[in-house]
């Protein structure tokens, strides 16, 4: 996958029409997925990374929206893991955050 040629979804011109998926999924290779939150659900449109190893899968970050009906991260990641596990065996999911939701230092 040439990520330079990838057309990342930045959000629909009219977010009320919701023509783009809430999470864009790019399979980078057989063990690495890149997910991006739709800008219509959060202006930051954060990236998340899902890595598969022999016994575990690691999800780096969980996006910026908690409402699962707007941002179905759990269902999306579970679907990717289920598909991967059918070919490679079951894995345990580990979730890690690279930063807190409040990135500012309190004084």
PDB file of N, CA and C in Angstrom:
ATOM      1  N   UNK A   1       0.850  -1.176   0.000  1.00  0.00           N
ATOM      2  CA  UNK A   1       0.000   0.000   0.000  1.00  0.00           C
ATOM      3  C   UNK A   1       0.890   1.231   0.000  1.00  0.00           C
ATOM      4  N   UNK A   2       0.668   2.114  -0.948  1.00  0.00           N
ATOM      5  CA  UNK A   2       1.397   3.371  -1.008  1.00  0.00           C
ATOM      6  C   UNK A   2       0.582   4.418  -0.258  1.00  0.00           C
ATOM      7  N   UNK A   3       0.988   4.704   0.977  1.00  0.00           N
ATOM      8  CA  UNK A   3       0.214   5.650   1.782  1.00  0.00           C
ATOM      9  C   UNK A   3       0.273   7.065   1.240  1.00  0.00           C
ATOM     10  N   UNK A   4       1.290   7.387   0.430  1.00  0.00           N
ATOM     11  CA  UNK A   4       1.337   8.711  -0.196  1.00  0.00           C
ATOM     12  C   UNK A   4       0.235   8.862  -1.233  1.00  0.00           C
ATOM     13  N   UNK A   5      -0.177   7.735  -1.826  1.00  0.00           N
ATOM     14  CA  UNK A   5      -1.241   7.767  -2.828  1.00  0.00           C
ATOM     15  C   UNK A   5      -2.616   7.589  -2.204  1.00  0.00           C
ATOM     16  N   UNK A   6      -2.653   7.303  -0.911  1.00  0.00           N
ATOM     17  CA  UNK A   6      -3.926   7.071  -0.225  1.00  0.00           C
ATOM     18  C   UNK A   6      -4.736   8.356  -0.142  1.00  0.00           C
ATOM     19  N   UNK A   7      -5.996   8.260  -0.478  1.00  0.00           N
ATOM     20  CA  UNK A   7      -6.894   9.402  -0.330  1.00  0.00           C
ATOM     21  C   UNK A   7      -7.570   9.302   1.019  1.00  0.00           C
ATOM     22  N   UNK A   8      -7.070  10.038   1.983  1.00  0.00           N
ATOM     23  CA  UNK A   8      -7.672  10.022   3.313  1.00  0.00           C
ATOM     24  C   UNK A   8      -8.951  10.826   3.296  1.00  0.00           C
ATOM     25  N   UNK A   9      -9.970  10.298   3.951  1.00  0.00           N
ATOM     26  CA  UNK A   9     -11.246  10.991   4.043  1.00  0.00           C
ATOM     27  C   UNK A   9     -11.099  12.113   5.073  1.00  0.00           C
ATOM     28  N   UNK A  10     -11.385  13.308   4.654  1.00  0.00           N
ATOM     29  CA  UNK A  10     -11.258  14.455   5.549  1.00  0.00           C
ATOM     30  C   UNK A  10     -12.593  14.914   6.109  1.00  0.00           C
ATOM     31  N   UNK A  11     -13.669  14.277   5.688  1.00  0.00           N
ATOM     32  CA  UNK A  11     -15.006  14.683   6.114  1.00  0.00           C
ATOM     33  C   UNK A  11     -15.795  15.179   4.920  1.00  0.00           C
ATOM     34  N   UNK A  12     -17.048  14.945   4.939  1.00  0.00           N
ATOM     35  CA  UNK A  12     -17.911  15.362   3.836  1.00  0.00           C
ATOM     36  C   UNK A  12     -18.074  16.870   3.835  1.00  0.00           C
ATOM     37  N   UNK A  13     -18.347  17.423   2.655  1.00  0.00           N
ATOM     38  CA  UNK A  13     -18.630  18.860   2.588  1.00  0.00           C
ATOM     39  C   UNK A  13     -19.837  19.204   3.438  1.00  0.00           C
ATOM     40  N   UNK A  14     -20.818  18.313   3.443  1.00  0.00           N
ATOM     41  CA  UNK A  14     -22.009  18.485   4.259  1.00  0.00           C
ATOM     42  C   UNK A  14     -22.084  17.286   5.205  1.00  0.00           C
ATOM     43  N   UNK A  15     -21.657  17.470   6.427  1.00  0.00           N
ATOM     44  CA  UNK A  15     -21.603  16.361   7.383  1.00  0.00           C
ATOM     45  C   UNK A  15     -22.976  15.786   7.716  1.00  0.00           C
ATOM     46  N   UNK A  16     -24.018  16.549   7.508  1.00  0.00           N
ATOM     47  CA  UNK A  16     -25.368  16.047   7.796  1.00  0.00           C
ATOM     48  C   UNK A  16     -25.766  14.917   6.853  1.00  0.00           C
ATOM     49  N   UNK A  17     -25.158  14.859   5.674  1.00  0.00           N
ATOM     50  CA  UNK A  17     -25.487  13.804   4.710  1.00  0.00           C
ATOM     51  C   UNK A  17     -24.751  12.504   5.018  1.00  0.00           C
ATOM     52  N   UNK A  18     -23.657  12.559   5.779  1.00  0.00           N
ATOM     53  CA  UNK A  18     -22.901  11.379   6.214  1.00  0.00           C
ATOM     54  C   UNK A  18     -22.624  10.400   5.073  1.00  0.00           C
ATOM     55  N   UNK A  19     -21.996  10.881   4.017  1.00  0.00           N
ATOM     56  CA  UNK A  19     -21.716  10.002   2.884  1.00  0.00           C
ATOM     57  C   UNK A  19     -20.439   9.178   3.098  1.00  0.00           C
ATOM     58  N   UNK A  20     -19.564   9.606   3.978  1.00  0.00           N
ATOM     59  CA  UNK A  20     -18.335   8.880   4.251  1.00  0.00           C
ATOM     60  C   UNK A  20     -18.488   8.052   5.520  1.00  0.00           C
ATOM     61  N   UNK A  21     -17.763   6.920   5.608  1.00  0.00           N
ATOM     62  CA  UNK A  21     -17.859   6.100   6.816  1.00  0.00           C
ATOM     63  C   UNK A  21     -17.288   6.825   8.025  1.00  0.00           C
ATOM     64  N   UNK A  22     -17.739   6.491   9.231  1.00  0.00           N
ATOM     65  CA  UNK A  22     -17.220   7.154  10.422  1.00  0.00           C
ATOM     66  C   UNK A  22     -15.756   6.805  10.697  1.00  0.00           C
ATOM     67  N   UNK A  23     -15.302   5.654  10.172  1.00  0.00           N
ATOM     68  CA  UNK A  23     -13.913   5.236  10.343  1.00  0.00           C
ATOM     69  C   UNK A  23     -13.404   4.711   9.011  1.00  0.00           C
ATOM     70  N   UNK A  24     -12.324   5.295   8.535  1.00  0.00           N
ATOM     71  CA  UNK A  24     -11.678   4.796   7.329  1.00  0.00           C
ATOM     72  C   UNK A  24     -10.654   3.746   7.735  1.00  0.00           C
ATOM     73  N   UNK A  25     -10.638   2.615   7.042  1.00  0.00           N
ATOM     74  CA  UNK A  25      -9.730   1.521   7.363  1.00  0.00           C
ATOM     75  C   UNK A  25      -8.790   1.296   6.187  1.00  0.00           C
ATOM     76  N   UNK A  26      -7.493   1.301   6.473  1.00  0.00           N
ATOM     77  CA  UNK A  26      -6.486   0.991   5.465  1.00  0.00           C
ATOM     78  C   UNK A  26      -5.665  -0.181   5.982  1.00  0.00           C
ATOM     79  N   UNK A  27      -5.648  -1.249   5.202  1.00  0.00           N
ATOM     80  CA  UNK A  27      -4.820  -2.404   5.551  1.00  0.00           C
ATOM     81  C   UNK A  27      -3.427  -2.133   4.995  1.00  0.00           C
ATOM     82  N   UNK A  28      -2.487  -1.810   5.886  1.00  0.00           N
ATOM     83  CA  UNK A  28      -1.128  -1.471   5.465  1.00  0.00           C
ATOM     84  C   UNK A  28      -0.373  -2.723   5.025  1.00  0.00           C
ATOM     85  N   UNK A  29      -0.475  -3.781   5.818  1.00  0.00           N
ATOM     86  CA  UNK A  29       0.047  -5.098   5.452  1.00  0.00           C
ATOM     87  C   UNK A  29      -0.783  -6.133   6.197  1.00  0.00           C
ATOM     88  N   UNK A  30      -0.376  -7.393   6.180  1.00  0.00           N
ATOM     89  CA  UNK A  30      -1.221  -8.441   6.760  1.00  0.00           C
ATOM     90  C   UNK A  30      -1.388  -8.317   8.271  1.00  0.00           C
ATOM     91  N   UNK A  31      -0.522  -7.568   8.947  1.00  0.00           N
ATOM     92  CA  UNK A  31      -0.590  -7.453  10.412  1.00  0.00           C
ATOM     93  C   UNK A  31      -0.754  -6.022  10.913  1.00  0.00           C
ATOM     94  N   UNK A  32      -0.968  -5.075  10.021  1.00  0.00           N
ATOM     95  CA  UNK A  32      -1.051  -3.670  10.420  1.00  0.00           C
ATOM     96  C   UNK A  32      -2.210  -2.985   9.705  1.00  0.00           C
ATOM     97  N   UNK A  33      -3.059  -2.345  10.501  1.00  0.00           N
ATOM     98  CA  UNK A  33      -4.186  -1.581   9.967  1.00  0.00           C
ATOM     99  C   UNK A  33      -4.094  -0.153  10.483  1.00  0.00           C
ATOM    100  N   UNK A  34      -4.422   0.781   9.623  1.00  0.00           N
ATOM    101  CA  UNK A  34      -4.491   2.190  10.004  1.00  0.00           C
ATOM    102  C   UNK A  34      -5.948   2.604   9.920  1.00  0.00           C
ATOM    103  N   UNK A  35      -6.451   3.182  10.996  1.00  0.00           N
ATOM    104  CA  UNK A  35      -7.831   3.644  11.046  1.00  0.00           C
ATOM    105  C   UNK A  35      -7.807   5.153  11.235  1.00  0.00           C
ATOM    106  N   UNK A  36      -8.727   5.833  10.596  1.00  0.00           N
ATOM    107  CA  UNK A  36      -8.819   7.282  10.778  1.00  0.00           C
ATOM    108  C   UNK A  36     -10.263   7.663  11.043  1.00  0.00           C
ATOM    109  N   UNK A  37     -10.441   8.449  12.086  1.00  0.00           N
ATOM    110  CA  UNK A  37     -11.773   8.930  12.436  1.00  0.00           C
ATOM    111  C   UNK A  37     -12.202   9.998  11.443  1.00  0.00           C
ATOM    112  N   UNK A  38     -13.442   9.930  11.008  1.00  0.00           N
ATOM    113  CA  UNK A  38     -13.986  10.904  10.075  1.00  0.00           C
ATOM    114  C   UNK A  38     -14.018  12.284  10.725  1.00  0.00           C
ATOM    115  N   UNK A  39     -13.616  13.281   9.960  1.00  0.00           N
ATOM    116  CA  UNK A  39     -13.565  14.650  10.469  1.00  0.00           C
ATOM    117  C   UNK A  39     -14.953  15.192  10.830  1.00  0.00           C
ATOM    118  N   UNK A  40     -15.993  14.582  10.296  1.00  0.00           N
ATOM    119  CA  UNK A  40     -17.350  15.009  10.648  1.00  0.00           C
ATOM    120  C   UNK A  40     -17.728  14.578  12.063  1.00  0.00           C
ATOM    121  N   UNK A  41     -17.001  13.603  12.624  1.00  0.00           N
ATOM    122  CA  UNK A  41     -17.292  13.180  13.991  1.00  0.00           C
ATOM    123  C   UNK A  41     -16.378  13.854  15.003  1.00  0.00           C
ATOM    124  N   UNK A  42     -15.211  14.340  14.540  1.00  0.00           N
ATOM    125  CA  UNK A  42     -14.314  15.118  15.390  1.00  0.00           C
ATOM    126  C   UNK A  42     -13.349  15.880  14.500  1.00  0.00           C
ATOM    127  N   UNK A  43     -13.170  17.153  14.766  1.00  0.00           N
ATOM    128  CA  UNK A  43     -12.367  18.015  13.896  1.00  0.00           C
ATOM    129  C   UNK A  43     -10.896  17.584  13.803  1.00  0.00           C
ATOM    130  N   UNK A  44     -10.396  16.852  14.795  1.00  0.00           N
ATOM    131  CA  UNK A  44      -8.998  16.421  14.763  1.00  0.00           C
ATOM    132  C   UNK A  44      -8.768  15.251  13.802  1.00  0.00           C
ATOM    133  N   UNK A  45      -9.807  14.465  13.514  1.00  0.00           N
ATOM    134  CA  UNK A  45      -9.720  13.299  12.631  1.00  0.00           C
ATOM    135  C   UNK A  45      -8.502  12.440  12.980  1.00  0.00           C
ATOM    136  N   UNK A  46      -8.434  11.958  14.233  1.00  0.00           N
ATOM    137  CA  UNK A  46      -7.242  11.237  14.658  1.00  0.00           C
ATOM    138  C   UNK A  46      -7.061   9.890  13.958  1.00  0.00           C
ATOM    139  N   UNK A  47      -5.803   9.487  13.896  1.00  0.00           N
ATOM    140  CA  UNK A  47      -5.426   8.173  13.384  1.00  0.00           C
ATOM    141  C   UNK A  47      -5.304   7.208  14.551  1.00  0.00           C
ATOM    142  N   UNK A  48      -5.620   5.948  14.298  1.00  0.00           N
ATOM    143  CA  UNK A  48      -5.414   4.865  15.251  1.00  0.00           C
ATOM    144  C   UNK A  48      -4.702   3.754  14.493  1.00  0.00           C
ATOM    145  N   UNK A  49      -3.916   2.974  15.205  1.00  0.00           N
ATOM    146  CA  UNK A  49      -3.147   1.914  14.572  1.00  0.00           C
ATOM    147  C   UNK A  49      -3.443   0.599  15.276  1.00  0.00           C
ATOM    148  N   UNK A  50      -3.675  -0.446  14.483  1.00  0.00           N
ATOM    149  CA  UNK A  50      -3.961  -1.773  15.015  1.00  0.00           C
ATOM    150  C   UNK A  50      -2.883  -2.718  14.496  1.00  0.00           C
ATOM    151  N   UNK A  51      -2.089  -3.253  15.429  1.00  0.00           N
ATOM    152  CA  UNK A  51      -0.977  -4.143  15.098  1.00  0.00           C
ATOM    153  C   UNK A  51      -1.283  -5.542  15.617  1.00  0.00           C
ATOM    154  N   UNK A  52      -1.007  -6.558  14.809  1.00  0.00           N
ATOM    155  CA  UNK A  52      -1.216  -7.945  15.206  1.00  0.00           C
ATOM    156  C   UNK A  52       0.119  -8.641  15.423  1.00  0.00           C
ATOM    157  N   UNK A  53       0.214  -9.372  16.538  1.00  0.00           N
ATOM    158  CA  UNK A  53       1.349 -10.227  16.815  1.00  0.00           C
ATOM    159  C   UNK A  53       0.872 -11.664  16.920  1.00  0.00           C
ATOM    160  N   UNK A  54       1.708 -12.533  17.444  1.00  0.00           N
ATOM    161  CA  UNK A  54       1.336 -13.947  17.528  1.00  0.00           C
ATOM    162  C   UNK A  54       0.151 -14.197  18.451  1.00  0.00           C
ATOM    163  N   UNK A  55       0.129 -13.535  19.630  1.00  0.00           N
ATOM    164  CA  UNK A  55      -0.911 -13.793  20.630  1.00  0.00           C
ATOM    165  C   UNK A  55      -1.745 -12.578  20.998  1.00  0.00           C
ATOM    166  N   UNK A  56      -1.296 -11.422  20.558  1.00  0.00           N
ATOM    167  CA  UNK A  56      -1.977 -10.187  20.962  1.00  0.00           C
ATOM    168  C   UNK A  56      -2.139  -9.249  19.774  1.00  0.00           C
ATOM    169  N   UNK A  57      -3.146  -8.391  19.890  1.00  0.00           N
ATOM    170  CA  UNK A  57      -3.330  -7.288  18.961  1.00  0.00           C
ATOM    171  C   UNK A  57      -3.222  -6.017  19.794  1.00  0.00           C
ATOM    172  N   UNK A  58      -2.556  -5.012  19.260  1.00  0.00           N
ATOM    173  CA  UNK A  58      -2.357  -3.752  19.966  1.00  0.00           C
ATOM    174  C   UNK A  58      -3.060  -2.644  19.209  1.00  0.00           C
ATOM    175  N   UNK A  59      -4.003  -1.978  19.864  1.00  0.00           N
ATOM    176  CA  UNK A  59      -4.673  -0.813  19.308  1.00  0.00           C
ATOM    177  C   UNK A  59      -4.068   0.420  19.961  1.00  0.00           C
ATOM    178  N   UNK A  60      -3.443   1.256  19.147  1.00  0.00           N
ATOM    179  CA  UNK A  60      -2.857   2.492  19.643  1.00  0.00           C
ATOM    180  C   UNK A  60      -3.884   3.608  19.478  1.00  0.00           C
ATOM    181  N   UNK A  61      -4.375   4.082  20.597  1.00  0.00           N
ATOM    182  CA  UNK A  61      -5.349   5.172  20.702  1.00  0.00           C
ATOM    183  C   UNK A  61      -6.767   4.702  20.362  1.00  0.00           C
ATOM    184  N   UNK A  62      -7.718   5.504  20.792  1.00  0.00           N
ATOM    185  CA  UNK A  62      -9.129   5.137  20.625  1.00  0.00           C
ATOM    186  C   UNK A  62      -9.969   6.264  20.042  1.00  0.00           C
ATOM    187  N   UNK A  63      -9.342   7.176  19.339  1.00  0.00           N
ATOM    188  CA  UNK A  63     -10.097   8.245  18.710  1.00  0.00           C
ATOM    189  C   UNK A  63     -10.513   9.319  19.694  1.00  0.00           C
ATOM    190  N   UNK A  64     -11.408  10.189  19.227  1.00  0.00           N
ATOM    191  CA  UNK A  64     -11.764  11.358  20.023  1.00  0.00           C
ATOM    192  C   UNK A  64     -13.256  11.485  20.292  1.00  0.00           C
ATOM    193  N   UNK A  65     -14.008  10.412  20.061  1.00  0.00           N
ATOM    194  CA  UNK A  65     -15.446  10.461  20.286  1.00  0.00           C
ATOM    195  C   UNK A  65     -15.870   9.195  21.018  1.00  0.00           C
ATOM    196  N   UNK A  66     -16.594   9.355  22.123  1.00  0.00           N
ATOM    197  CA  UNK A  66     -17.004   8.206  22.929  1.00  0.00           C
ATOM    198  C   UNK A  66     -18.327   7.591  22.490  1.00  0.00           C
ATOM    199  N   UNK A  67     -19.177   8.337  21.804  1.00  0.00           N
ATOM    200  CA  UNK A  67     -20.506   7.852  21.435  1.00  0.00           C
ATOM    201  C   UNK A  67     -20.394   6.797  20.334  1.00  0.00           C
ATOM    202  N   UNK A  68     -20.710   5.547  20.674  1.00  0.00           N
ATOM    203  CA  UNK A  68     -20.523   4.454  19.718  1.00  0.00           C
ATOM    204  C   UNK A  68     -21.470   4.524  18.526  1.00  0.00           C
ATOM    205  N   UNK A  69     -22.608   5.202  18.664  1.00  0.00           N
ATOM    206  CA  UNK A  69     -23.509   5.317  17.519  1.00  0.00           C
ATOM    207  C   UNK A  69     -22.964   6.294  16.477  1.00  0.00           C
ATOM    208  N   UNK A  70     -22.111   7.217  16.885  1.00  0.00           N
ATOM    209  CA  UNK A  70     -21.471   8.164  15.973  1.00  0.00           C
ATOM    210  C   UNK A  70     -20.122   7.625  15.497  1.00  0.00           C
ATOM    211  N   UNK A  71     -19.421   6.966  16.406  1.00  0.00           N
ATOM    212  CA  UNK A  71     -18.061   6.497  16.150  1.00  0.00           C
ATOM    213  C   UNK A  71     -17.936   5.056  16.631  1.00  0.00           C
ATOM    214  N   UNK A  72     -18.279   4.074  15.778  1.00  0.00           N
ATOM    215  CA  UNK A  72     -18.344   2.666  16.200  1.00  0.00           C
ATOM    216  C   UNK A  72     -16.971   1.979  16.233  1.00  0.00           C
ATOM    217  N   UNK A  73     -16.080   2.476  17.051  1.00  0.00           N
ATOM    218  CA  UNK A  73     -14.716   1.937  17.092  1.00  0.00           C
ATOM    219  C   UNK A  73     -14.691   0.490  17.557  1.00  0.00           C
ATOM    220  N   UNK A  74     -15.420   0.183  18.632  1.00  0.00           N
ATOM    221  CA  UNK A  74     -15.417  -1.183  19.161  1.00  0.00           C
ATOM    222  C   UNK A  74     -15.843  -2.183  18.088  1.00  0.00           C
ATOM    223  N   UNK A  75     -16.963  -1.918  17.430  1.00  0.00           N
ATOM    224  CA  UNK A  75     -17.472  -2.824  16.412  1.00  0.00           C
ATOM    225  C   UNK A  75     -16.502  -2.952  15.247  1.00  0.00           C
ATOM    226  N   UNK A  76     -15.893  -1.837  14.860  1.00  0.00           N
ATOM    227  CA  UNK A  76     -14.952  -1.839  13.745  1.00  0.00           C
ATOM    228  C   UNK A  76     -13.718  -2.666  14.064  1.00  0.00           C
ATOM    229  N   UNK A  77     -13.120  -2.421  15.227  1.00  0.00           N
ATOM    230  CA  UNK A  77     -11.919  -3.155  15.623  1.00  0.00           C
ATOM    231  C   UNK A  77     -12.243  -4.630  15.828  1.00  0.00           C
ATOM    232  N   UNK A  78     -13.369  -4.914  16.445  1.00  0.00           N
ATOM    233  CA  UNK A  78     -13.764  -6.312  16.660  1.00  0.00           C
ATOM    234  C   UNK A  78     -13.921  -7.031  15.326  1.00  0.00           C
ATOM    235  N   UNK A  79     -14.490  -6.380  14.337  1.00  0.00           N
ATOM    236  CA  UNK A  79     -14.635  -6.972  13.010  1.00  0.00           C
ATOM    237  C   UNK A  79     -13.296  -7.275  12.360  1.00  0.00           C
ATOM    238  N   UNK A  80     -12.356  -6.343  12.462  1.00  0.00           N
ATOM    239  CA  UNK A  80     -11.013  -6.566  11.906  1.00  0.00           C
ATOM    240  C   UNK A  80     -10.339  -7.732  12.624  1.00  0.00           C
ATOM    241  N   UNK A  81     -10.434  -7.749  13.953  1.00  0.00           N
ATOM    242  CA  UNK A  81      -9.818  -8.830  14.734  1.00  0.00           C
ATOM    243  C   UNK A  81     -10.450 -10.177  14.392  1.00  0.00           C
ATOM    244  N   UNK A  82     -11.767 -10.217  14.274  1.00  0.00           N
ATOM    245  CA  UNK A  82     -12.445 -11.478  13.929  1.00  0.00           C
ATOM    246  C   UNK A  82     -11.988 -11.995  12.569  1.00  0.00           C
ATOM    247  N   UNK A  83     -11.902 -11.103  11.576  1.00  0.00           N
ATOM    248  CA  UNK A  83     -11.441 -11.506  10.243  1.00  0.00           C
ATOM    249  C   UNK A  83      -9.996 -12.009  10.299  1.00  0.00           C
ATOM    250  N   UNK A  84      -9.136 -11.291  11.009  1.00  0.00           N
ATOM    251  CA  UNK A  84      -7.725 -11.674  11.124  1.00  0.00           C
ATOM    252  C   UNK A  84      -7.604 -13.011  11.847  1.00  0.00           C
ATOM    253  N   UNK A  85      -8.374 -13.187  12.913  1.00  0.00           N
ATOM    254  CA  UNK A  85      -8.298 -14.398  13.729  1.00  0.00           C
ATOM    255  C   UNK A  85      -8.738 -15.646  12.975  1.00  0.00           C
ATOM    256  N   UNK A  86      -9.673 -15.513  12.047  1.00  0.00           N
ATOM    257  CA  UNK A  86     -10.114 -16.666  11.252  1.00  0.00           C
ATOM    258  C   UNK A  86      -8.952 -17.275  10.467  1.00  0.00           C
ATOM    259  N   UNK A  87      -8.007 -16.455  10.040  1.00  0.00           N
ATOM    260  CA  UNK A  87      -6.876 -16.925   9.238  1.00  0.00           C
ATOM    261  C   UNK A  87      -5.649 -17.235  10.087  1.00  0.00           C
ATOM    262  N   UNK A  88      -5.521 -16.567  11.235  1.00  0.00           N
ATOM    263  CA  UNK A  88      -4.266 -16.612  11.982  1.00  0.00           C
ATOM    264  C   UNK A  88      -4.371 -17.111  13.415  1.00  0.00           C
ATOM    265  N   UNK A  89      -5.557 -17.304  13.923  1.00  0.00           N
ATOM    266  CA  UNK A  89      -5.747 -17.709  15.317  1.00  0.00           C
ATOM    267  C   UNK A  89      -6.145 -16.530  16.190  1.00  0.00           C
ATOM    268  N   UNK A  90      -6.764 -16.846  17.312  1.00  0.00           N
ATOM    269  CA  UNK A  90      -7.276 -15.810  18.208  1.00  0.00           C
ATOM    270  C   UNK A  90      -6.154 -15.020  18.867  1.00  0.00           C
ATOM    271  N   UNK A  91      -6.457 -13.748  19.114  1.00  0.00           N
ATOM    272  CA  UNK A  91      -5.520 -12.861  19.808  1.00  0.00           C
ATOM    273  C   UNK A  91      -6.267 -12.096  20.888  1.00  0.00           C
ATOM    274  N   UNK A  92      -5.528 -11.672  21.878  1.00  0.00           N
ATOM    275  CA  UNK A  92      -6.060 -10.812  22.940  1.00  0.00           C
ATOM    276  C   UNK A  92      -5.812  -9.362  22.535  1.00  0.00           C
ATOM    277  N   UNK A  93      -6.790  -8.506  22.740  1.00  0.00           N
ATOM    278  CA  UNK A  93      -6.635  -7.091  22.396  1.00  0.00           C
ATOM    279  C   UNK A  93      -6.065  -6.319  23.580  1.00  0.00           C
ATOM    280  N   UNK A  94      -5.035  -5.533  23.293  1.00  0.00           N
ATOM    281  CA  UNK A  94      -4.447  -4.612  24.255  1.00  0.00           C
ATOM    282  C   UNK A  94      -4.633  -3.207  23.679  1.00  0.00           C
ATOM    283  N   UNK A  95      -5.101  -2.279  24.498  1.00  0.00           N
ATOM    284  CA  UNK A  95      -5.331  -0.910  24.049  1.00  0.00           C
ATOM    285  C   UNK A  95      -4.369   0.014  24.788  1.00  0.00           C
ATOM    286  N   UNK A  96      -3.702   0.874  24.048  1.00  0.00           N
ATOM    287  CA  UNK A  96      -2.764   1.828  24.642  1.00  0.00           C
ATOM    288  C   UNK A  96      -3.076   3.223  24.122  1.00  0.00           C
ATOM    289  N   UNK A  97      -2.895   4.209  24.981  1.00  0.00           N
ATOM    290  CA  UNK A  97      -3.096   5.598  24.589  1.00  0.00           C
ATOM    291  C   UNK A  97      -1.750   6.314  24.570  1.00  0.00           C
ATOM    292  N   UNK A  98      -1.516   7.056  23.498  1.00  0.00           N
ATOM    293  CA  UNK A  98      -0.256   7.785  23.385  1.00  0.00           C
ATOM    294  C   UNK A  98      -0.321   9.160  24.030  1.00  0.00           C
ATOM    295  N   UNK A  99      -1.528   9.597  24.364  1.00  0.00           N
ATOM    296  CA  UNK A  99      -1.700  10.898  25.015  1.00  0.00           C
ATOM    297  C   UNK A  99      -3.055  10.913  25.718  1.00  0.00           C
ATOM    298  N   UNK A 100      -3.181  11.834  26.663  1.00  0.00           N
ATOM    299  CA  UNK A 100      -4.468  11.964  27.333  1.00  0.00           C
ATOM    300  C   UNK A 100      -5.385  12.833  26.493  1.00  0.00           C
ATOM    301  N   UNK A 101      -6.655  12.848  26.849  1.00  0.00           N
ATOM    302  CA  UNK A 101      -7.595  13.679  26.107  1.00  0.00           C
ATOM    303  C   UNK A 101      -7.359  15.171  26.366  1.00  0.00           C
ATOM    304  N   UNK A 102      -6.774  15.460  27.489  1.00  0.00           N
ATOM    305  CA  UNK A 102      -6.446  16.851  27.794  1.00  0.00           C
ATOM    306  C   UNK A 102      -4.948  17.005  27.631  1.00  0.00           C
ATOM    307  N   UNK A 103      -4.560  17.523  26.452  1.00  0.00           N
ATOM    308  CA  UNK A 103      -3.141  17.616  26.118  1.00  0.00           C
ATOM    309  C   UNK A 103      -2.453  18.838  26.715  1.00  0.00           C
ATOM    310  N   UNK A 104      -3.184  19.646  27.417  1.00  0.00           N
ATOM    311  CA  UNK A 104      -2.576  20.859  27.967  1.00  0.00           C
ATOM    312  C   UNK A 104      -2.108  20.616  29.397  1.00  0.00           C
ATOM    313  N   UNK A 105      -1.009  21.233  29.735  1.00  0.00           N
ATOM    314  CA  UNK A 105      -0.487  21.160  31.094  1.00  0.00           C
ATOM    315  C   UNK A 105      -1.244  22.161  31.947  1.00  0.00           C
ATOM    316  N   UNK A 106      -1.769  21.677  33.056  1.00  0.00           N
ATOM    317  CA  UNK A 106      -2.499  22.568  33.969  1.00  0.00           C
ATOM    318  C   UNK A 106      -1.499  23.319  34.850  1.00  0.00           C
ATOM    319  N   UNK A 107      -1.692  24.598  34.995  1.00  0.00           N
ATOM    320  CA  UNK A 107      -0.797  25.400  35.835  1.00  0.00           C
ATOM    321  C   UNK A 107      -1.492  25.802  37.093  1.00  0.00           C
TER     322      UNK A 107
END
